[in-house]
Amino acid sequence: MKSISPMELKAMMDSGNEFQLIDIRDDYEYNICCIGGEKINMYSIPDNIDKISRNNKVIIYCRTGLRSGNIVKFLEESFSFDNVYNLDGGILRWRDDVDSSLVSY
């Protein structure tokens, strides 16, 4: 499984490079804080495969990186994606490393 650190993701955002960011958390988590991207609940990923890019890097995140890591593995193993990355440490590490103004939960 490929992963990306919050600082690497921030550099991608700042560079203007094209990529897809997907938040797989539950709605209540999304309403607490988010760093952008498309909202696709982890349980609906199989029904939304067509919304996930196969041409650009895809960064998937959750709260701690555990659920998104499982989704990255699932996409690699079940759908042969080779361009998906887990945000290491999830939004909590993003908060620690990039944006301390985010609410921790």
C-alpha atoms as a PDB file:
ATOM      1  CA  MET A   1       0.000   0.000   0.000  1.00  0.00           C
ATOM      2  CA  LYS A   2       1.263   3.426  -0.942  1.00  0.00           C
ATOM      3  CA  SER A   3       0.972   6.299   1.477  1.00  0.00           C
ATOM      4  CA  ILE A   4       1.631  10.008   1.512  1.00  0.00           C
ATOM      5  CA  SER A   5       2.460  12.239   4.459  1.00  0.00           C
ATOM      6  CA  PRO A   6       0.403  15.322   5.286  1.00  0.00           C
ATOM      7  CA  MET A   7       3.367  17.542   4.342  1.00  0.00           C
ATOM      8  CA  GLU A   8       3.647  15.816   0.940  1.00  0.00           C
ATOM      9  CA  LEU A   9      -0.084  16.304   0.372  1.00  0.00           C
ATOM     10  CA  LYS A  10       0.173  19.963   1.352  1.00  0.00           C
ATOM     11  CA  ALA A  11       3.006  20.402  -1.169  1.00  0.00           C
ATOM     12  CA  MET A  12       0.819  18.777  -3.853  1.00  0.00           C
ATOM     13  CA  MET A  13      -2.037  21.138  -3.011  1.00  0.00           C
ATOM     14  CA  ASP A  14       0.234  24.161  -3.126  1.00  0.00           C
ATOM     15  CA  SER A  15       1.863  23.115  -6.407  1.00  0.00           C
ATOM     16  CA  GLY A  16      -1.403  22.962  -8.302  1.00  0.00           C
ATOM     17  CA  ASN A  17      -0.707  19.436  -9.537  1.00  0.00           C
ATOM     18  CA  GLU A  18      -3.809  17.556 -10.541  1.00  0.00           C
ATOM     19  CA  PHE A  19      -4.917  14.850  -8.118  1.00  0.00           C
ATOM     20  CA  GLN A  20      -8.097  13.564  -6.506  1.00  0.00           C
ATOM     21  CA  LEU A  21      -8.694  13.805  -2.752  1.00  0.00           C
ATOM     22  CA  ILE A  22     -11.362  11.561  -1.228  1.00  0.00           C
ATOM     23  CA  ASP A  23     -12.735  11.808   2.319  1.00  0.00           C
ATOM     24  CA  ILE A  24     -14.222   8.434   3.305  1.00  0.00           C
ATOM     25  CA  ARG A  25     -15.328   9.394   6.818  1.00  0.00           C
ATOM     26  CA  ASP A  26     -18.893   9.415   8.116  1.00  0.00           C
ATOM     27  CA  ASP A  27     -20.988  12.548   7.666  1.00  0.00           C
ATOM     28  CA  TYR A  28     -20.778  13.547  11.333  1.00  0.00           C
ATOM     29  CA  GLU A  29     -16.950  13.454  11.109  1.00  0.00           C
ATOM     30  CA  TYR A  30     -16.967  15.488   7.915  1.00  0.00           C
ATOM     31  CA  ASN A  31     -19.143  18.102   9.641  1.00  0.00           C
ATOM     32  CA  ILE A  32     -16.593  18.461  12.468  1.00  0.00           C
ATOM     33  CA  CYS A  33     -13.660  19.237  10.176  1.00  0.00           C
ATOM     34  CA  CYS A  34     -12.365  18.482   6.709  1.00  0.00           C
ATOM     35  CA  ILE A  35      -9.479  19.314   4.398  1.00  0.00           C
ATOM     36  CA  GLY A  36     -11.473  19.223   1.189  1.00  0.00           C
ATOM     37  CA  GLY A  37     -11.907  16.656  -1.495  1.00  0.00           C
ATOM     38  CA  GLU A  38     -14.845  14.566  -2.526  1.00  0.00           C
ATOM     39  CA  LYS A  39     -16.998  12.991   0.167  1.00  0.00           C
ATOM     40  CA  ILE A  40     -17.494   9.285  -0.584  1.00  0.00           C
ATOM     41  CA  ASN A  41     -18.397   7.223   2.470  1.00  0.00           C
ATOM     42  CA  MET A  42     -16.176   4.158   2.808  1.00  0.00           C
ATOM     43  CA  TYR A  43     -19.182   1.817   2.691  1.00  0.00           C
ATOM     44  CA  SER A  44     -20.263   3.209  -0.673  1.00  0.00           C
ATOM     45  CA  ILE A  45     -16.850   2.927  -2.371  1.00  0.00           C
ATOM     46  CA  PRO A  46     -17.803  -0.234  -4.324  1.00  0.00           C
ATOM     47  CA  ASP A  47     -20.843   1.589  -5.725  1.00  0.00           C
ATOM     48  CA  ASN A  48     -18.750   4.630  -6.677  1.00  0.00           C
ATOM     49  CA  ILE A  49     -15.753   3.043  -8.408  1.00  0.00           C
ATOM     50  CA  ASP A  50     -16.514   5.087 -11.526  1.00  0.00           C
ATOM     51  CA  LYS A  51     -15.951   8.310  -9.510  1.00  0.00           C
ATOM     52  CA  ILE A  52     -12.364   7.347  -8.638  1.00  0.00           C
ATOM     53  CA  SER A  53      -9.732   8.497 -11.104  1.00  0.00           C
ATOM     54  CA  ARG A  54      -7.459   5.980 -12.757  1.00  0.00           C
ATOM     55  CA  ASN A  55      -5.388   8.703 -14.454  1.00  0.00           C
ATOM     56  CA  ASN A  56      -4.372  10.957 -11.554  1.00  0.00           C
ATOM     57  CA  LYS A  57      -3.038  10.278  -8.079  1.00  0.00           C
ATOM     58  CA  VAL A  58      -5.862   9.577  -5.659  1.00  0.00           C
ATOM     59  CA  ILE A  59      -5.334  10.430  -1.998  1.00  0.00           C
ATOM     60  CA  ILE A  60      -7.805   8.826   0.412  1.00  0.00           C
ATOM     61  CA  TYR A  61      -8.178   9.940   4.005  1.00  0.00           C
ATOM     62  CA  CYS A  62     -10.067   9.246   7.197  1.00  0.00           C
ATOM     63  CA  ARG A  63      -9.521  10.214  10.843  1.00  0.00           C
ATOM     64  CA  THR A  64      -6.355   8.208  11.636  1.00  0.00           C
ATOM     65  CA  GLY A  65      -5.432   6.509   8.376  1.00  0.00           C
ATOM     66  CA  LEU A  66      -6.651   3.051   9.369  1.00  0.00           C
ATOM     67  CA  ARG A  67      -9.935   2.972   7.444  1.00  0.00           C
ATOM     68  CA  SER A  68      -8.474   4.777   4.439  1.00  0.00           C
ATOM     69  CA  GLY A  69      -5.562   2.310   4.440  1.00  0.00           C
ATOM     70  CA  ASN A  70      -8.050  -0.541   4.254  1.00  0.00           C
ATOM     71  CA  ILE A  71      -9.852   1.167   1.372  1.00  0.00           C
ATOM     72  CA  VAL A  72      -6.560   1.691  -0.496  1.00  0.00           C
ATOM     73  CA  LYS A  73      -5.757  -2.021  -0.111  1.00  0.00           C
ATOM     74  CA  PHE A  74      -9.281  -2.926  -1.231  1.00  0.00           C
ATOM     75  CA  LEU A  75      -9.019  -0.761  -4.354  1.00  0.00           C
ATOM     76  CA  GLU A  76      -5.596  -2.196  -5.207  1.00  0.00           C
ATOM     77  CA  GLU A  77      -6.570  -5.821  -4.666  1.00  0.00           C
ATOM     78  CA  SER A  78     -10.166  -5.851  -5.895  1.00  0.00           C
ATOM     79  CA  PHE A  79     -10.113  -3.251  -8.678  1.00  0.00           C
ATOM     80  CA  SER A  80      -6.422  -3.157  -9.703  1.00  0.00           C
ATOM     81  CA  PHE A  81      -5.893   0.513  -8.870  1.00  0.00           C
ATOM     82  CA  ASP A  82      -2.214   1.455  -8.870  1.00  0.00           C
ATOM     83  CA  ASN A  83      -2.610   5.191  -8.272  1.00  0.00           C
ATOM     84  CA  VAL A  84      -4.230   5.274  -4.813  1.00  0.00           C
ATOM     85  CA  TYR A  85      -2.474   6.569  -1.687  1.00  0.00           C
ATOM     86  CA  ASN A  86      -3.396   6.579   1.977  1.00  0.00           C
ATOM     87  CA  LEU A  87      -2.957   9.834   3.897  1.00  0.00           C
ATOM     88  CA  ASP A  88      -0.595   8.644   6.609  1.00  0.00           C
ATOM     89  CA  GLY A  89      -2.086   9.399  10.022  1.00  0.00           C
ATOM     90  CA  GLY A  90      -5.301  10.750   8.523  1.00  0.00           C
ATOM     91  CA  ILE A  91      -6.803  14.107   9.306  1.00  0.00           C
ATOM     92  CA  LEU A  92      -5.449  13.974  12.871  1.00  0.00           C
ATOM     93  CA  ARG A  93      -1.869  13.930  11.615  1.00  0.00           C
ATOM     94  CA  TRP A  94      -2.790  16.633   9.088  1.00  0.00           C
ATOM     95  CA  ARG A  95      -3.924  18.705  12.058  1.00  0.00           C
ATOM     96  CA  ASP A  96      -0.635  18.052  13.893  1.00  0.00           C
ATOM     97  CA  ASP A  97       1.641  18.634  10.899  1.00  0.00           C
ATOM     98  CA  VAL A  98      -0.159  21.183   8.717  1.00  0.00           C
ATOM     99  CA  ASP A  99      -3.182  22.951  10.221  1.00  0.00           C
ATOM    100  CA  SER A 100      -3.528  23.101  14.011  1.00  0.00           C
ATOM    101  CA  SER A 101      -6.731  25.164  13.665  1.00  0.00           C
ATOM    102  CA  LEU A 102      -8.719  22.030  12.778  1.00  0.00           C
ATOM    103  CA  VAL A 103     -10.920  20.625  15.523  1.00  0.00           C
ATOM    104  CA  SER A 104      -9.632  17.373  16.979  1.00  0.00           C
ATOM    105  CA  TYR A 105     -12.181  14.675  17.678  1.00  0.00           C
END
